[in-house]
Amino acid sequence: MIDDTIAAIATAPGEAGIGIVRLSGPMAVEILDQVFVPSRGKSIKDFPNRRLTHGYIVHPQTQDKVDEALVVYMKGPHTYTAEDVAEIDCHGGIVPVRKILSLVLSMGARMAEPGEFTKRAFLNGRIDLAQAEAVMDVISAKTEKGFDIALGQLEGSLSKEVGKIRNNILEMIAHITVNIDFPDEDIEEITYQGLEKQAKEIVDTVAALLSTAHTGKIIREGLKTVIIGKPNVGKSSLMNALLKESRAIVTEVPGTTRDVIEEYVSIQGIPLKIVDTAGIRETEDIVEKIGVERSKEFFNKADLVIFVLNAAESLTEEDQQIIQLVNERDAIILLNKTDLPMVVDEAGLQEMLPGKKVIRISVTEEIGLKELEDTIVQMVYGGQVKHKDLSLVTNVRHQNALERAKKSMEDAVGAIQSNMPLDFVEVDVRNCWEYLGEITGDTVGEDIIDRIFANFCLGK
């Protein structure tokens, strides 16, 4: 049982309209009552639970006013942490929120650890571990799609899917255990054929969830995308067009971009961490040379390469060198400046880059940009995931647990097909059940729980 009261600033540091100091625990309301004087009434306890009340935060010994505030207290268990919670809404400057936090700490609360409010919600059974992790995904979502998926997981979309699989596995375990422990009793005897069918169905279900992990990771973290090409082919113009703002400098002079420029852009709900690189070419300019080397570094780390060529001129040796680099990567080839007479041999280019999508565009005339966006979306989803599917696996920890669960159930299938004793089959089936339990926190160790919540921000 948790018997202490924690406190933290729940809003970002800096100047703002309001700042919030949050308390949770058995003494939350008592501490609030000692430091708050309502404009009407003698005590915060004179006002109903969950009602916002105006007044002043005062020092209980000196009665000096600390700040004007609106406060509310909420009795557990129907609160964020499932404990008694109090919140103080004060002016949003650095000084008032810190003074109020110091005051409540001096009254018996202790400073909350990172993520401890959400950790208490988990430990008190209000949410499971997957839902707790979704809290930070909601906060850090970079697109509406990412937000929708995180919100769905906060509401339990992934947990429900995992729960269904674990319930099916539990039925298998129960059936196996009964047949092991009571072989002579008059019970329905388990058949290896039926057991194999159940195990394969579970393998397929887990594999289906795993198939969403690549897409989920991209939506959560962003698709690392690099725009590459020789100087003056329109890379910076393309980035500005995707961002819908003039972020990169555009001139007729080759080599204008001498370093990499990074920005996030949402393409139909998919976050792209897009990088405009210095044009790759041989140069004696020391600064530009450094930029070219950095371009190659980002190229090697990218999930997706957008290779831009000038359609109005023949391929050069510089283009040929980049084609060799691009051939082994997931890439989209853009023939830019198609508003001018075409010079590039498109058929020959396609032969040099087999399997790569080639799109004709003109950034200045806004031709082909919609096709580029659609192509990126198709590459991310790969036909495996529907756009409205909110049960995507977006967390690497969840992916690892699913992979181990799938492997265990595949081992169980192998044991069944080899007619191994049921005791051996049960071990693999139970391992699968436990690995899936790590996702929701049912079978996870305390060290992992601590490590997860250590990544949270203070006050959450």
Protein backbone atom coordinates (compact mmCIF):
# COMPACT_ATOMS: atom_id res chain seq x y z
CA MET A 1 0.00 0.00 0.00
CA ILE A 2 1.26 3.48 -0.92
CA ASP A 3 1.14 5.63 2.21
CA ASP A 4 3.00 8.83 1.26
CA THR A 5 1.91 11.92 -0.66
CA ILE A 6 3.79 13.20 -3.70
CA ALA A 7 3.86 16.62 -5.34
CA ALA A 8 5.27 18.11 -8.54
CA ILE A 9 4.82 20.92 -11.03
CA ALA A 10 2.61 19.51 -13.80
CA THR A 11 3.15 22.27 -16.39
CA ALA A 12 6.18 23.08 -18.51
CA PRO A 13 8.72 25.53 -17.05
CA GLY A 14 8.67 29.12 -18.22
CA GLU A 15 6.12 31.92 -18.46
CA ALA A 16 2.52 30.93 -19.17
CA GLY A 17 -1.05 31.83 -18.35
CA ILE A 18 -1.27 29.27 -15.57
CA GLY A 19 0.99 26.84 -13.74
CA ILE A 20 -0.24 23.70 -12.01
CA VAL A 21 1.11 22.05 -8.87
CA ARG A 22 -0.31 18.55 -8.41
CA LEU A 23 -0.48 16.43 -5.25
CA SER A 24 -1.50 12.78 -4.90
CA GLY A 25 -1.76 10.55 -1.85
CA PRO A 26 -3.54 10.22 1.48
CA MET A 27 -2.47 13.69 2.73
CA ALA A 28 -3.20 15.58 -0.50
CA VAL A 29 -6.42 17.21 0.70
CA GLU A 30 -5.06 17.89 4.22
CA ILE A 31 -1.99 19.67 2.81
CA LEU A 32 -4.15 21.70 0.42
CA ASP A 33 -6.43 22.69 3.32
CA GLN A 34 -3.43 23.99 5.31
CA VAL A 35 -2.04 26.21 2.53
CA PHE A 36 -5.24 27.44 0.85
CA VAL A 37 -7.65 30.14 2.07
CA PRO A 38 -10.87 30.31 -0.01
CA SER A 39 -12.32 33.71 -0.95
CA ARG A 40 -15.55 32.46 0.64
CA GLY A 41 -15.75 29.89 3.39
CA LYS A 42 -13.24 28.85 6.00
CA SER A 43 -11.80 25.70 4.47
CA ILE A 44 -11.48 23.96 1.12
CA LYS A 45 -13.35 21.08 2.77
CA ASP A 46 -16.41 23.38 2.94
CA PHE A 47 -16.65 23.01 -0.84
CA PRO A 48 -17.74 19.91 -2.75
CA ASN A 49 -15.30 17.40 -4.14
CA ARG A 50 -14.27 18.22 -7.77
CA ARG A 51 -15.37 21.84 -7.60
CA LEU A 52 -12.93 24.57 -8.67
CA THR A 53 -12.56 27.13 -5.87
CA HIS A 54 -11.00 30.61 -5.91
CA GLY A 55 -8.76 31.87 -3.12
CA TYR A 56 -5.14 32.38 -2.05
CA ILE A 57 -2.19 30.16 -1.28
CA VAL A 58 -0.81 31.35 2.06
CA HIS A 59 2.03 30.36 4.32
CA PRO A 60 0.28 28.64 7.27
CA GLN A 61 2.67 30.06 9.90
CA THR A 62 2.95 33.68 8.75
CA GLN A 63 -0.32 33.93 6.77
CA ASP A 64 1.64 35.73 4.04
CA LYS A 65 0.02 35.38 0.62
CA VAL A 66 2.05 33.37 -1.88
CA ASP A 67 -0.25 33.67 -4.91
CA GLU A 68 -3.84 33.92 -6.05
CA ALA A 69 -5.10 30.50 -7.17
CA LEU A 70 -7.93 28.24 -8.26
CA VAL A 71 -7.80 24.85 -6.56
CA VAL A 72 -9.68 21.58 -6.73
CA TYR A 73 -9.52 18.35 -4.78
CA MET A 74 -10.69 14.96 -6.04
CA LYS A 75 -11.33 12.01 -3.77
CA GLY A 76 -10.06 8.62 -4.90
CA PRO A 77 -10.45 6.11 -6.36
CA HIS A 78 -11.99 7.89 -9.37
CA THR A 79 -8.94 10.05 -10.10
CA TYR A 80 -5.89 9.86 -12.36
CA THR A 81 -3.83 8.01 -9.75
CA ALA A 82 -6.82 6.30 -8.06
CA GLU A 83 -5.76 8.21 -4.91
CA ASP A 84 -6.86 11.51 -3.37
CA VAL A 85 -5.59 14.23 -5.71
CA ALA A 86 -5.31 18.00 -5.30
CA GLU A 87 -4.37 20.52 -7.95
CA ILE A 88 -3.38 24.15 -7.54
CA ASP A 89 -3.78 26.43 -10.58
CA CYS A 90 -1.65 29.51 -10.00
CA HIS A 91 0.01 32.14 -12.18
CA GLY A 92 2.31 30.49 -14.68
CA GLY A 93 5.62 32.16 -13.88
CA ILE A 94 8.65 30.25 -12.65
CA VAL A 95 8.62 31.94 -9.21
CA PRO A 96 5.00 31.29 -8.10
CA VAL A 97 4.93 27.60 -9.05
CA ARG A 98 8.27 26.95 -7.37
CA LYS A 99 7.22 28.79 -4.20
CA ILE A 100 3.99 26.80 -4.01
CA LEU A 101 5.79 23.51 -4.64
CA SER A 102 8.31 24.31 -1.89
CA LEU A 103 5.45 25.15 0.45
CA VAL A 104 3.56 21.87 -0.05
CA LEU A 105 6.80 19.91 0.27
CA SER A 106 7.44 21.62 3.60
CA MET A 107 3.97 20.51 4.73
CA GLY A 108 4.78 16.80 4.39
CA ALA A 109 4.58 15.93 0.71
CA ARG A 110 7.66 14.60 -1.04
CA MET A 111 8.93 15.43 -4.52
CA ALA A 112 7.49 13.05 -7.12
CA GLU A 113 9.85 11.01 -9.22
CA PRO A 114 9.60 11.21 -13.04
CA GLY A 115 6.35 9.59 -14.12
CA GLU A 116 5.32 8.71 -10.57
CA PHE A 117 1.73 9.94 -10.93
CA THR A 118 1.22 7.59 -13.88
CA LYS A 119 3.16 4.85 -12.09
CA ARG A 120 0.73 5.11 -9.17
CA ALA A 121 -2.18 4.83 -11.62
CA PHE A 122 -0.60 1.58 -12.83
CA LEU A 123 0.25 0.21 -9.37
CA ASN A 124 -3.25 1.05 -8.14
CA GLY A 125 -4.78 -0.89 -11.05
CA ARG A 126 -6.45 1.98 -12.89
CA ILE A 127 -4.43 1.38 -16.07
CA ASP A 128 -2.10 -1.35 -17.29
CA LEU A 129 1.51 -0.87 -18.38
CA ALA A 130 0.75 -0.50 -22.11
CA GLN A 131 -1.77 2.24 -21.28
CA ALA A 132 0.74 3.95 -19.01
CA GLU A 133 3.34 4.02 -21.81
CA ALA A 134 0.69 5.44 -24.14
CA VAL A 135 0.47 8.53 -21.89
CA MET A 136 3.90 9.68 -23.05
CA ASP A 137 3.02 8.79 -26.65
CA VAL A 138 -0.02 11.08 -26.42
CA ILE A 139 2.17 13.91 -25.11
CA SER A 140 4.93 13.42 -27.72
CA ALA A 141 2.71 12.66 -30.75
CA LYS A 142 3.92 14.53 -33.83
CA THR A 143 0.84 14.07 -36.03
CA GLU A 144 -2.91 13.61 -35.63
CA LYS A 145 -2.51 9.98 -36.74
CA GLY A 146 0.13 9.38 -34.08
CA PHE A 147 -2.07 11.09 -31.50
CA ASP A 148 -5.11 8.97 -32.46
CA ILE A 149 -3.12 5.73 -32.15
CA ALA A 150 -1.63 6.77 -28.80
CA LEU A 151 -5.06 7.80 -27.51
CA GLY A 152 -6.49 4.46 -28.66
CA GLN A 153 -3.77 2.62 -26.76
CA LEU A 154 -4.38 4.79 -23.71
CA GLU A 155 -7.99 3.65 -23.89
CA GLY A 156 -6.81 0.04 -24.08
CA SER A 157 -6.94 -0.91 -27.79
CA LEU A 158 -3.65 -2.86 -27.74
CA SER A 159 -4.27 -4.23 -24.24
CA LYS A 160 -7.60 -5.69 -25.34
CA GLU A 161 -5.98 -7.44 -28.31
CA VAL A 162 -3.24 -8.88 -26.11
CA GLY A 163 -5.81 -9.82 -23.45
CA LYS A 164 -7.82 -11.87 -25.97
CA ILE A 165 -4.72 -13.79 -27.02
CA ARG A 166 -3.71 -14.45 -23.40
CA ASN A 167 -7.21 -15.72 -22.57
CA ASN A 168 -7.01 -18.20 -25.45
CA ILE A 169 -3.59 -19.33 -24.26
CA LEU A 170 -4.92 -19.69 -20.69
CA GLU A 171 -7.60 -22.05 -21.96
CA MET A 172 -4.88 -24.12 -23.63
CA ILE A 173 -2.82 -24.21 -20.43
CA ALA A 174 -5.83 -25.24 -18.36
CA HIS A 175 -6.72 -28.04 -20.79
CA ILE A 176 -3.13 -29.30 -20.91
CA THR A 177 -2.73 -29.16 -17.11
CA VAL A 178 -5.92 -31.14 -16.49
CA ASN A 179 -4.77 -33.87 -18.87
CA ILE A 180 -1.33 -34.00 -17.20
CA ASP A 181 -2.59 -34.00 -13.59
CA PHE A 182 -5.63 -36.25 -14.03
CA PRO A 183 -4.84 -38.72 -16.83
CA ASP A 184 -7.15 -41.42 -15.47
CA GLU A 185 -10.15 -39.21 -14.78
CA ASP A 186 -13.24 -39.11 -16.98
CA ILE A 187 -12.41 -35.84 -18.74
CA GLU A 188 -12.21 -34.76 -22.35
CA GLU A 189 -8.86 -36.01 -23.57
CA ILE A 190 -6.79 -33.45 -25.38
CA THR A 191 -5.74 -34.35 -28.94
CA TYR A 192 -2.43 -33.30 -30.41
CA GLN A 193 -4.20 -32.37 -33.63
CA GLY A 194 -6.55 -29.96 -31.84
CA LEU A 195 -3.70 -28.57 -29.77
CA GLU A 196 -1.63 -27.92 -32.88
CA LYS A 197 -4.54 -26.08 -34.52
CA GLN A 198 -4.94 -23.81 -31.46
CA ALA A 199 -1.21 -23.11 -31.27
CA LYS A 200 -0.95 -22.22 -34.96
CA GLU A 201 -3.92 -19.85 -34.68
CA ILE A 202 -2.16 -18.04 -31.84
CA VAL A 203 1.09 -17.85 -33.85
CA ASP A 204 -0.85 -16.28 -36.74
CA THR A 205 -2.59 -13.77 -34.44
CA VAL A 206 0.68 -12.67 -32.82
CA ALA A 207 2.34 -12.46 -36.25
CA ALA A 208 -0.49 -10.20 -37.47
CA LEU A 209 0.15 -7.81 -34.58
CA LEU A 210 3.90 -7.93 -35.25
CA SER A 211 3.33 -7.05 -38.90
CA THR A 212 2.17 -3.59 -37.77
CA ALA A 213 5.36 -2.86 -35.81
CA HIS A 214 7.29 -1.25 -38.68
CA THR A 215 4.42 1.10 -39.51
CA GLY A 216 3.75 1.77 -35.83
CA LYS A 217 7.37 2.69 -35.15
CA ILE A 218 7.34 5.15 -38.05
CA ILE A 219 4.11 6.80 -36.87
CA ARG A 220 5.47 7.06 -33.33
CA GLU A 221 9.04 8.18 -34.06
CA GLY A 222 8.85 9.56 -37.59
CA LEU A 223 10.20 8.27 -40.89
CA LYS A 224 13.81 9.37 -41.25
CA THR A 225 13.80 10.74 -44.78
CA VAL A 226 16.75 12.25 -46.62
CA ILE A 227 16.53 14.35 -49.79
CA ILE A 228 19.62 13.66 -51.85
CA GLY A 229 20.98 14.70 -55.23
CA LYS A 230 23.68 16.79 -56.83
CA PRO A 231 23.65 20.58 -56.34
CA ASN A 232 20.93 22.75 -57.88
CA VAL A 233 18.42 20.02 -58.78
CA GLY A 234 15.71 21.44 -56.50
CA LYS A 235 16.23 19.63 -53.18
CA SER A 236 15.71 22.73 -51.05
CA SER A 237 12.72 23.81 -53.15
CA LEU A 238 11.19 20.37 -52.61
CA MET A 239 11.70 20.59 -48.85
CA ASN A 240 10.09 24.04 -48.77
CA ALA A 241 7.15 22.69 -50.79
CA LEU A 242 6.64 19.76 -48.41
CA LEU A 243 6.91 22.03 -45.38
CA LYS A 244 4.75 24.68 -47.08
CA GLU A 245 7.18 27.35 -45.88
CA SER A 246 10.54 28.78 -46.91
CA ARG A 247 12.81 26.91 -44.54
CA ALA A 248 15.77 26.25 -46.87
CA ILE A 249 17.58 28.89 -48.92
CA VAL A 250 16.90 28.56 -52.66
CA THR A 251 19.13 30.23 -55.30
CA GLU A 252 20.41 29.52 -58.79
CA VAL A 253 23.92 29.11 -57.38
CA PRO A 254 24.96 25.44 -56.99
CA GLY A 255 26.07 24.48 -53.50
CA THR A 256 23.86 26.94 -51.59
CA THR A 257 22.97 24.29 -48.99
CA ARG A 258 26.26 23.57 -47.23
CA ASP A 259 24.89 21.74 -44.20
CA VAL A 260 21.91 19.54 -43.43
CA ILE A 261 18.54 21.06 -42.50
CA GLU A 262 16.16 18.92 -40.41
CA GLU A 263 12.41 19.46 -40.01
CA TYR A 264 9.30 17.42 -39.19
CA VAL A 265 6.48 17.35 -41.73
CA SER A 266 3.20 15.41 -41.63
CA ILE A 267 2.36 13.52 -44.82
CA GLN A 268 -1.26 12.34 -44.51
CA GLY A 269 -0.73 11.64 -40.81
CA ILE A 270 2.74 10.10 -41.17
CA PRO A 271 5.50 12.14 -39.51
CA LEU A 272 8.59 12.54 -41.68
CA LYS A 273 11.82 13.67 -40.09
CA ILE A 274 12.96 15.18 -43.35
CA VAL A 275 16.55 16.22 -44.03
CA ASP A 276 17.65 18.50 -46.86
CA THR A 277 21.29 17.70 -47.54
CA ALA A 278 24.15 19.47 -49.20
CA GLY A 279 24.43 18.46 -52.86
CA ILE A 280 26.76 15.48 -53.26
CA ARG A 281 29.65 16.38 -55.54
CA GLU A 282 33.42 16.72 -55.54
CA THR A 283 34.37 20.15 -54.20
CA GLU A 284 37.44 22.00 -52.97
CA ASP A 285 35.37 24.28 -50.69
CA ILE A 286 36.18 23.12 -47.13
CA VAL A 287 32.79 24.06 -45.67
CA GLU A 288 30.84 22.48 -48.53
CA LYS A 289 33.04 19.38 -48.30
CA ILE A 290 32.03 18.91 -44.65
CA GLY A 291 28.39 19.32 -45.67
CA VAL A 292 28.77 16.63 -48.34
CA GLU A 293 30.25 14.20 -45.81
CA ARG A 294 27.39 14.88 -43.41
CA SER A 295 24.94 14.28 -46.28
CA LYS A 296 26.44 10.82 -46.79
CA GLU A 297 26.14 10.09 -43.04
CA PHE A 298 22.43 10.98 -43.03
CA PHE A 299 21.94 8.97 -46.22
CA ASN A 300 23.29 5.85 -44.47
CA LYS A 301 20.96 6.32 -41.48
CA ALA A 302 17.79 7.17 -43.44
CA ASP A 303 14.68 4.96 -43.60
CA LEU A 304 13.67 6.49 -46.93
CA VAL A 305 15.71 8.23 -49.62
CA ILE A 306 14.22 10.81 -51.98
CA PHE A 307 16.63 11.12 -54.91
CA VAL A 308 16.09 14.28 -56.95
CA LEU A 309 17.32 14.59 -60.56
CA ASN A 310 17.10 17.46 -63.03
CA ALA A 311 14.87 16.14 -65.84
CA ALA A 312 15.98 18.99 -68.13
CA GLU A 313 19.56 17.78 -68.45
CA SER A 314 21.35 14.52 -69.18
CA LEU A 315 22.68 12.35 -66.38
CA THR A 316 26.11 13.43 -65.19
CA GLU A 317 28.88 11.49 -63.52
CA GLU A 318 27.72 12.93 -60.18
CA ASP A 319 24.21 11.53 -60.85
CA GLN A 320 25.69 8.14 -61.74
CA GLN A 321 27.60 8.00 -58.45
CA ILE A 322 24.44 8.74 -56.46
CA ILE A 323 22.49 6.13 -58.48
CA GLN A 324 24.96 3.49 -57.28
CA LEU A 325 24.40 4.59 -53.67
CA VAL A 326 20.60 4.63 -54.02
CA ASN A 327 20.24 1.23 -55.72
CA GLU A 328 20.35 -0.75 -52.47
CA ARG A 329 18.01 1.53 -50.51
CA ASP A 330 14.26 2.16 -50.14
CA ALA A 331 14.07 5.15 -52.43
CA ILE A 332 11.76 7.31 -54.53
CA ILE A 333 13.24 8.87 -57.66
CA LEU A 334 12.01 12.35 -58.57
CA LEU A 335 12.52 13.86 -62.03
CA ASN A 336 12.25 17.55 -61.20
CA LYS A 337 11.86 20.55 -63.55
CA THR A 338 9.52 18.65 -65.88
CA ASP A 339 7.95 21.99 -66.81
CA LEU A 340 11.05 22.34 -69.02
CA PRO A 341 11.78 20.12 -72.06
CA MET A 342 12.63 16.55 -70.91
CA VAL A 343 16.21 15.48 -71.58
CA VAL A 344 16.69 12.55 -69.16
CA ASP A 345 16.14 9.09 -70.62
CA GLU A 346 13.44 7.94 -68.20
CA ALA A 347 13.37 4.35 -69.51
CA GLY A 348 17.14 4.06 -69.18
CA LEU A 349 16.97 5.50 -65.67
CA GLN A 350 14.35 2.92 -64.69
CA GLU A 351 16.66 0.14 -65.96
CA MET A 352 19.48 1.48 -63.78
CA LEU A 353 17.14 1.63 -60.74
CA PRO A 354 14.95 -1.49 -61.08
CA GLY A 355 11.92 -1.63 -58.78
CA LYS A 356 12.22 2.02 -57.77
CA LYS A 357 9.26 4.37 -58.18
CA VAL A 358 10.05 7.21 -60.61
CA ILE A 359 7.81 10.30 -60.39
CA ARG A 360 7.81 13.31 -62.68
CA ILE A 361 7.50 16.54 -60.70
CA SER A 362 7.91 20.26 -61.02
CA VAL A 363 8.29 21.91 -57.64
CA THR A 364 7.84 25.40 -59.08
CA GLU A 365 4.61 24.40 -60.84
CA GLU A 366 3.49 22.12 -57.96
CA ILE A 367 3.23 19.13 -60.30
CA GLY A 368 3.57 15.60 -58.92
CA LEU A 369 3.75 16.51 -55.21
CA LYS A 370 0.45 14.75 -54.41
CA GLU A 371 1.70 11.59 -56.16
CA LEU A 372 4.89 11.80 -54.07
CA GLU A 373 2.86 12.01 -50.84
CA ASP A 374 0.63 9.09 -51.89
CA THR A 375 3.71 7.00 -52.73
CA ILE A 376 5.23 7.66 -49.30
CA VAL A 377 1.97 6.60 -47.61
CA GLN A 378 1.78 3.42 -49.69
CA MET A 379 5.39 2.54 -48.83
CA VAL A 380 4.80 3.05 -45.11
CA TYR A 381 1.59 1.05 -44.87
CA GLY A 382 2.64 -1.55 -47.41
CA GLY A 383 -0.94 -2.76 -47.75
CA GLN A 384 -0.75 -4.48 -44.34
CA VAL A 385 -2.36 -1.88 -42.13
CA LYS A 386 -5.61 -0.01 -42.54
CA HIS A 387 -5.42 3.73 -41.93
CA LYS A 388 -7.97 3.55 -39.11
CA ASP A 389 -6.33 0.62 -37.30
CA LEU A 390 -5.53 1.88 -33.80
CA SER A 391 -4.01 -1.42 -32.59
CA LEU A 392 -0.63 -0.75 -34.15
CA VAL A 393 2.45 -1.89 -32.25
CA THR A 394 4.37 1.37 -31.79
CA ASN A 395 6.64 0.45 -28.87
CA VAL A 396 9.94 -1.45 -29.25
CA ARG A 397 9.43 -3.14 -25.87
CA HIS A 398 6.06 -4.45 -27.02
CA GLN A 399 7.57 -5.63 -30.30
CA ASN A 400 10.30 -7.56 -28.47
CA ALA A 401 7.75 -9.21 -26.18
CA LEU A 402 5.60 -10.22 -29.17
CA GLU A 403 8.61 -11.68 -30.97
CA ARG A 404 9.51 -13.81 -27.94
CA ALA A 405 5.88 -14.88 -27.53
CA LYS A 406 5.66 -15.91 -31.19
CA LYS A 407 8.92 -17.89 -30.91
CA SER A 408 7.66 -19.72 -27.81
CA MET A 409 4.40 -20.71 -29.47
CA GLU A 410 6.28 -21.82 -32.58
CA ASP A 411 8.42 -24.01 -30.29
CA ALA A 412 5.18 -25.41 -28.86
CA VAL A 413 3.97 -26.27 -32.38
CA GLY A 414 7.27 -28.04 -33.02
CA ALA A 415 6.95 -30.01 -29.78
CA ILE A 416 3.38 -31.01 -30.65
CA GLN A 417 4.37 -32.14 -34.15
CA SER A 418 7.17 -34.23 -32.61
CA ASN A 419 4.67 -35.87 -30.22
CA MET A 420 6.63 -34.61 -27.21
CA PRO A 421 5.02 -35.16 -23.76
CA LEU A 422 2.44 -32.55 -22.76
CA ASP A 423 4.75 -31.31 -19.98
CA PHE A 424 7.20 -30.04 -22.62
CA VAL A 425 4.43 -28.41 -24.65
CA GLU A 426 3.06 -26.67 -21.55
CA VAL A 427 6.42 -24.98 -20.84
CA ASP A 428 6.47 -23.27 -24.25
CA VAL A 429 2.78 -22.34 -24.12
CA ARG A 430 3.16 -20.84 -20.64
CA ASN A 431 6.25 -18.89 -21.76
CA CYS A 432 4.19 -17.36 -24.57
CA TRP A 433 1.49 -16.34 -22.06
CA GLU A 434 4.08 -14.72 -19.78
CA TYR A 435 5.84 -12.81 -22.57
CA LEU A 436 2.52 -11.32 -23.66
CA GLY A 437 1.85 -10.39 -20.03
CA GLU A 438 4.97 -8.20 -20.10
CA ILE A 439 3.15 -5.85 -22.49
CA THR A 440 0.33 -5.12 -20.05
CA GLY A 441 2.56 -5.44 -16.96
CA ASP A 442 0.95 -8.59 -15.56
CA THR A 443 4.20 -10.56 -15.63
CA VAL A 444 6.85 -7.85 -15.77
CA GLY A 445 9.59 -7.33 -13.17
CA GLU A 446 9.87 -4.29 -10.90
CA ASP A 447 13.18 -3.25 -12.49
CA ILE A 448 11.55 -2.95 -15.91
CA ILE A 449 8.65 -0.96 -14.43
CA ASP A 450 11.08 1.48 -12.80
CA ARG A 451 13.05 1.84 -16.03
CA ILE A 452 9.90 2.62 -18.05
CA PHE A 453 8.64 5.34 -15.72
CA ALA A 454 12.10 6.90 -15.37
CA ASN A 455 11.67 8.11 -18.96
CA PHE A 456 8.54 10.10 -18.08
CA CYS A 457 8.54 13.82 -17.39
CA LEU A 458 8.10 15.20 -13.88
CA GLY A 459 4.51 15.88 -12.90
CA LYS A 460 3.04 13.17 -15.12
